Amino acid sequence: MAQKARVLIDCQDSQGLVYQISKVFYDRKLNIDNNREFVDKEKNKFFMRSVISGDFVIDEIKEALTLALPNDATIRIIEPKSKKIILMATKESHCLGDILIRWASNELEANIEAVISNHNDLKELTNRFNIPFIHIGTEDLSREEHEQKVIKVLDTFDFDYIVLAKYMRILSSDFVDYYPKKIINIHHSFLPAFIGANPYKQAHTRGVKIIGATAHYVTSDLDEGPIISQDVISVNHRLEWRDMQRAGRDVEKIVLARALSFVFNDRVFVHGNKTIIF
């Protein structure tokens, strides 16, 4: 059976890049099963994602591409395989439950190594899927002390991403910087309009007409990391705030699932504070 790999390239744009890349594949008798490219004309930045198949050695392909491309090129060659993830949650079950069901149905394209939570509320749900549940309480601990305990546990696992499935604690810059581009979060899209407790009740009082959700990479700038996926639905005056909350939670879990699919299939380029998604 032929090997497969995903080749992700970004560099300054210049004439003939697609030809140079394709020639590397052609000269080695490799098939291009899928190919997408994009140029950010304002930044003069080129992005390309190719799926190749055939007989090849990854290091040899990378060396050939390095010689063919500008010096600033970033080249990632990734063999398709399930990512390893850690889920972090608090008390809300909708996002965690959806991810667990997708995992159990072989739809997640990732292996869940463990669930870490600062409360015990979701232990029974997690145990139904025979996934380790680790409770790290916050009692009498500063944020820094709690995060050090979490890091100590995380360091016992080999993982690709941390997914915040409604983990309701603000992470420090030190924690985020320890896992750069490895933490994915989901939140309602009312920010910064309705912050604090019960944003859906606040939104209902204000009479909003749409509600939505945003999935993004976590950075040291709170809720301002590169956006991976977003969506909205319409609401109206007939809905009570609890109805809006239920609808919002449905959007949250769908947006998070879509974002994870993009990331796990190596379709995302982080470009400054935004993303390019193929």
Protein backbone atom coordinates (compact mmCIF):
# COMPACT_ATOMS: atom_id res chain seq x y z
CA MET A 1 0.00 0.00 0.00
CA ALA A 2 1.27 3.45 -0.94
CA GLN A 3 2.33 5.85 1.79
CA LYS A 4 0.36 9.05 2.35
CA ALA A 5 1.42 12.36 3.81
CA ARG A 6 0.10 15.86 4.25
CA VAL A 7 2.54 18.54 3.15
CA LEU A 8 2.01 22.02 4.59
CA ILE A 9 4.15 24.85 3.27
CA ASP A 10 4.19 28.59 3.93
CA CYS A 11 6.71 31.17 2.75
CA GLN A 12 7.02 34.53 1.08
CA ASP A 13 5.23 34.45 -2.25
CA SER A 14 7.28 34.36 -5.45
CA GLN A 15 6.83 33.27 -9.03
CA GLY A 16 6.79 29.54 -9.74
CA LEU A 17 6.26 28.18 -6.24
CA VAL A 18 3.49 25.75 -7.20
CA TYR A 19 5.62 24.49 -10.09
CA GLN A 20 8.70 24.01 -7.88
CA ILE A 21 6.73 22.09 -5.26
CA SER A 22 4.89 19.97 -7.81
CA LYS A 23 8.17 19.17 -9.57
CA VAL A 24 9.61 17.73 -6.35
CA PHE A 25 6.61 15.39 -6.18
CA TYR A 26 6.64 14.60 -9.92
CA ASP A 27 10.36 13.79 -10.01
CA ARG A 28 9.78 11.19 -7.30
CA LYS A 29 6.74 9.68 -9.03
CA LEU A 30 4.38 10.77 -6.26
CA ASN A 31 0.68 11.42 -6.73
CA ILE A 32 -0.93 14.65 -5.56
CA ASP A 33 -4.27 13.43 -4.23
CA ASN A 34 -5.43 16.85 -3.04
CA ASN A 35 -3.99 20.33 -3.32
CA ARG A 36 -5.02 23.80 -2.11
CA GLU A 37 -3.11 27.05 -2.09
CA PHE A 38 -3.68 30.65 -1.04
CA VAL A 39 -1.74 33.92 -1.20
CA ASP A 40 -2.22 36.69 1.34
CA LYS A 41 -1.55 39.59 -1.00
CA GLU A 42 -1.25 42.15 1.80
CA LYS A 43 1.53 40.18 3.51
CA ASN A 44 2.84 38.59 0.28
CA LYS A 45 2.58 35.22 2.01
CA PHE A 46 2.03 31.91 0.24
CA PHE A 47 0.28 28.89 1.78
CA MET A 48 -0.12 25.43 0.30
CA ARG A 49 -1.46 22.11 1.58
CA SER A 50 -0.96 18.97 -0.49
CA VAL A 51 -1.86 15.36 0.18
CA ILE A 52 0.64 13.08 -1.55
CA SER A 53 0.86 9.32 -1.97
CA GLY A 54 3.50 6.93 -3.23
CA ASP A 55 6.79 5.51 -2.00
CA PHE A 56 8.92 8.13 -0.29
CA VAL A 57 11.14 8.99 2.65
CA ILE A 58 9.87 12.04 4.53
CA ASP A 59 13.33 13.46 5.29
CA GLU A 60 14.33 13.20 1.63
CA ILE A 61 11.16 14.97 0.47
CA LYS A 62 11.66 17.72 3.05
CA GLU A 63 15.29 18.22 2.00
CA ALA A 64 14.28 18.50 -1.68
CA LEU A 65 11.53 21.00 -0.88
CA THR A 66 13.93 23.04 1.28
CA LEU A 67 16.33 23.34 -1.65
CA ALA A 68 13.51 24.31 -4.04
CA LEU A 69 11.82 26.95 -1.87
CA PRO A 70 12.78 30.36 -0.43
CA ASN A 71 14.93 30.39 2.69
CA ASP A 72 12.04 31.49 4.91
CA ALA A 73 9.87 28.48 4.01
CA THR A 74 8.24 26.47 6.77
CA ILE A 75 7.70 22.87 5.66
CA ARG A 76 5.65 20.34 7.60
CA ILE A 77 5.24 16.79 6.33
CA ILE A 78 2.76 14.87 8.45
CA GLU A 79 1.73 11.26 8.15
CA PRO A 80 -2.04 10.93 8.71
CA LYS A 81 -2.72 9.45 12.13
CA SER A 82 -4.98 10.03 15.10
CA LYS A 83 -3.90 12.88 17.32
CA LYS A 84 -3.57 12.36 21.08
CA ILE A 85 -5.59 14.81 23.16
CA ILE A 86 -6.26 15.75 26.78
CA LEU A 87 -9.70 17.14 27.58
CA MET A 88 -10.13 19.70 30.35
CA ALA A 89 -13.59 20.44 31.73
CA THR A 90 -15.38 21.86 34.77
CA LYS A 91 -19.10 21.18 35.28
CA GLU A 92 -20.88 21.70 31.93
CA SER A 93 -21.30 18.39 30.12
CA HIS A 94 -22.45 19.32 26.60
CA CYS A 95 -19.06 19.77 24.90
CA LEU A 96 -17.34 16.99 26.82
CA GLY A 97 -20.22 14.58 26.20
CA ASP A 98 -20.30 15.37 22.49
CA ILE A 99 -16.56 14.75 22.13
CA LEU A 100 -16.78 11.50 24.06
CA ILE A 101 -19.62 10.24 21.86
CA ARG A 102 -17.74 11.19 18.68
CA TRP A 103 -14.69 9.35 20.03
CA ALA A 104 -16.75 6.26 20.85
CA SER A 105 -18.26 6.38 17.34
CA ASN A 106 -14.82 6.65 15.68
CA GLU A 107 -15.70 10.10 14.35
CA LEU A 108 -13.19 12.16 16.34
CA GLU A 109 -9.95 11.23 14.52
CA ALA A 110 -8.18 11.48 17.86
CA ASN A 111 -7.45 9.37 20.93
CA ILE A 112 -8.52 10.79 24.29
CA GLU A 113 -5.75 10.18 26.79
CA ALA A 114 -7.56 11.59 29.85
CA VAL A 115 -10.07 14.11 31.15
CA ILE A 116 -8.79 16.61 33.71
CA SER A 117 -11.27 18.64 35.76
CA ASN A 118 -11.26 21.02 38.70
CA HIS A 119 -14.58 19.47 39.84
CA ASN A 120 -15.84 15.90 40.18
CA ASP A 121 -19.21 16.52 38.48
CA LEU A 122 -18.24 14.88 35.17
CA LYS A 123 -16.44 11.86 36.59
CA GLU A 124 -19.39 9.47 36.16
CA LEU A 125 -19.95 10.59 32.56
CA THR A 126 -16.27 10.10 31.71
CA ASN A 127 -16.10 6.72 33.43
CA ARG A 128 -18.85 5.40 31.15
CA PHE A 129 -16.32 5.63 28.30
CA ASN A 130 -13.48 3.98 30.27
CA ILE A 131 -11.32 7.09 29.96
CA PRO A 132 -9.15 8.21 32.90
CA PHE A 133 -10.72 11.05 34.89
CA ILE A 134 -8.34 13.14 36.96
CA HIS A 135 -9.72 15.58 39.50
CA ILE A 136 -7.39 18.41 40.51
CA GLY A 137 -9.27 20.57 42.99
CA THR A 138 -8.61 24.25 43.56
CA GLU A 139 -9.27 24.35 47.32
CA ASP A 140 -6.74 26.51 49.20
CA LEU A 141 -4.57 26.78 46.08
CA SER A 142 -3.54 29.89 44.20
CA ARG A 143 -4.02 29.83 40.44
CA GLU A 144 -0.28 29.29 39.99
CA GLU A 145 -0.21 26.40 42.46
CA HIS A 146 -3.21 24.77 40.80
CA GLU A 147 -1.70 25.13 37.35
CA GLN A 148 1.57 23.60 38.52
CA LYS A 149 -0.39 20.56 39.69
CA VAL A 150 -2.13 20.37 36.31
CA ILE A 151 1.19 20.66 34.46
CA LYS A 152 2.68 17.92 36.63
CA VAL A 153 -0.16 15.60 35.56
CA LEU A 154 -0.01 16.68 31.92
CA ASP A 155 3.72 15.92 31.83
CA THR A 156 2.91 12.25 32.49
CA PHE A 157 1.08 12.04 29.15
CA ASP A 158 2.22 12.13 25.53
CA PHE A 159 -0.30 14.34 23.71
CA ASP A 160 -0.68 16.69 20.75
CA TYR A 161 -3.44 19.03 21.97
CA ILE A 162 -5.28 20.17 25.07
CA VAL A 163 -8.99 20.78 24.41
CA LEU A 164 -10.82 23.05 26.84
CA ALA A 165 -14.32 21.56 26.79
CA LYS A 166 -15.89 24.38 28.82
CA TYR A 167 -13.02 24.52 31.30
CA MET A 168 -14.17 27.51 33.32
CA ARG A 169 -10.88 28.84 34.62
CA ILE A 170 -8.68 31.54 33.15
CA LEU A 171 -5.27 30.15 32.30
CA SER A 172 -2.17 32.16 33.12
CA SER A 173 0.27 33.33 30.46
CA ASP A 174 2.89 31.00 31.89
CA PHE A 175 0.61 27.98 31.44
CA VAL A 176 -0.39 28.98 27.90
CA ASP A 177 3.20 29.68 26.89
CA TYR A 178 4.17 26.20 28.15
CA TYR A 179 1.92 24.69 25.45
CA PRO A 180 2.14 27.07 22.46
CA LYS A 181 -0.49 26.44 19.75
CA LYS A 182 -1.54 23.29 21.60
CA ILE A 183 -4.58 24.57 23.53
CA ILE A 184 -8.00 24.87 21.84
CA ASN A 185 -10.92 26.61 23.54
CA ILE A 186 -14.65 27.06 22.92
CA HIS A 187 -16.75 29.92 24.23
CA HIS A 188 -19.95 31.75 23.49
CA SER A 189 -19.62 34.63 21.04
CA PHE A 190 -21.14 37.29 23.28
CA LEU A 191 -17.69 38.41 24.37
CA PRO A 192 -16.89 41.16 25.13
CA ALA A 193 -20.52 42.34 25.34
CA PHE A 194 -21.75 40.05 28.11
CA ILE A 195 -19.06 38.89 30.51
CA GLY A 196 -19.22 37.28 33.91
CA ALA A 197 -21.99 35.11 35.30
CA ASN A 198 -24.85 33.87 33.09
CA PRO A 199 -24.19 35.60 29.76
CA TYR A 200 -27.32 34.04 28.24
CA LYS A 201 -29.52 35.70 30.84
CA GLN A 202 -27.77 39.02 30.16
CA ALA A 203 -28.26 38.53 26.40
CA HIS A 204 -31.94 37.70 26.87
CA THR A 205 -32.42 40.88 28.90
CA ARG A 206 -30.73 42.86 26.14
CA GLY A 207 -32.89 41.27 23.45
CA VAL A 208 -30.18 39.90 21.18
CA LYS A 209 -31.25 38.39 17.85
CA ILE A 210 -28.33 36.03 17.24
CA ILE A 211 -26.23 33.81 19.46
CA GLY A 212 -23.15 31.87 18.52
CA ALA A 213 -19.85 30.26 19.48
CA THR A 214 -16.16 30.61 18.71
CA ALA A 215 -13.42 27.98 18.79
CA HIS A 216 -9.88 29.33 18.88
CA TYR A 217 -6.30 28.66 19.84
CA VAL A 218 -5.55 29.90 23.34
CA THR A 219 -2.93 32.63 23.68
CA SER A 220 -1.86 34.85 26.56
CA ASP A 221 -4.39 37.43 25.31
CA LEU A 222 -7.63 36.25 26.92
CA ASP A 223 -10.13 34.93 24.34
CA GLU A 224 -8.26 36.70 21.53
CA GLY A 225 -6.31 33.82 19.99
CA PRO A 226 -6.51 32.83 16.31
CA ILE A 227 -10.07 31.78 15.44
CA ILE A 228 -10.52 28.28 14.01
CA SER A 229 -14.31 28.12 13.62
CA GLN A 230 -17.42 30.19 14.38
CA ASP A 231 -21.15 29.93 13.84
CA VAL A 232 -24.38 31.70 14.82
CA ILE A 233 -28.09 30.96 14.99
CA SER A 234 -31.05 33.33 15.08
CA VAL A 235 -33.15 33.75 18.22
CA ASN A 236 -36.20 35.88 19.00
CA HIS A 237 -38.36 37.25 21.77
CA ARG A 238 -40.29 33.98 22.17
CA LEU A 239 -37.29 32.28 23.79
CA GLU A 240 -36.64 32.42 27.50
CA TRP A 241 -33.02 32.74 28.56
CA ARG A 242 -32.83 29.00 29.36
CA ASP A 243 -34.03 28.23 25.81
CA MET A 244 -31.28 30.51 24.49
CA GLN A 245 -28.76 28.75 26.71
CA ARG A 246 -29.76 25.32 25.32
CA ALA A 247 -29.54 26.62 21.75
CA GLY A 248 -26.19 28.23 22.49
CA ARG A 249 -24.79 25.02 23.91
CA ASP A 250 -25.80 23.18 20.74
CA VAL A 251 -23.86 25.73 18.69
CA GLU A 252 -20.85 25.47 21.00
CA LYS A 253 -20.47 21.72 20.65
CA ILE A 254 -20.93 21.82 16.86
CA VAL A 255 -18.38 24.62 16.42
CA LEU A 256 -15.87 22.86 18.68
CA ALA A 257 -16.28 19.57 16.80
CA ARG A 258 -15.75 21.33 13.47
CA ALA A 259 -12.65 23.12 14.75
CA LEU A 260 -11.18 19.89 16.06
CA SER A 261 -11.76 18.22 12.70
CA PHE A 262 -9.84 21.02 10.97
CA VAL A 263 -6.94 20.75 13.42
CA PHE A 264 -6.78 16.95 13.58
CA ASN A 265 -6.70 16.75 9.77
CA ASP A 266 -3.80 19.24 9.61
CA ARG A 267 -5.83 21.78 7.67
CA VAL A 268 -4.92 24.84 9.74
CA PHE A 269 -2.15 27.39 9.29
CA VAL A 270 -1.73 29.99 12.04
CA HIS A 271 -0.95 33.29 10.32
CA GLY A 272 -0.36 36.09 12.81
CA ASN A 273 -3.51 36.25 14.90
CA LYS A 274 -5.72 34.53 12.33
CA THR A 275 -5.90 31.19 10.59
CA ILE A 276 -5.79 29.93 7.04
CA ILE A 277 -7.91 26.77 6.76
CA PHE A 278 -7.92 24.44 3.77
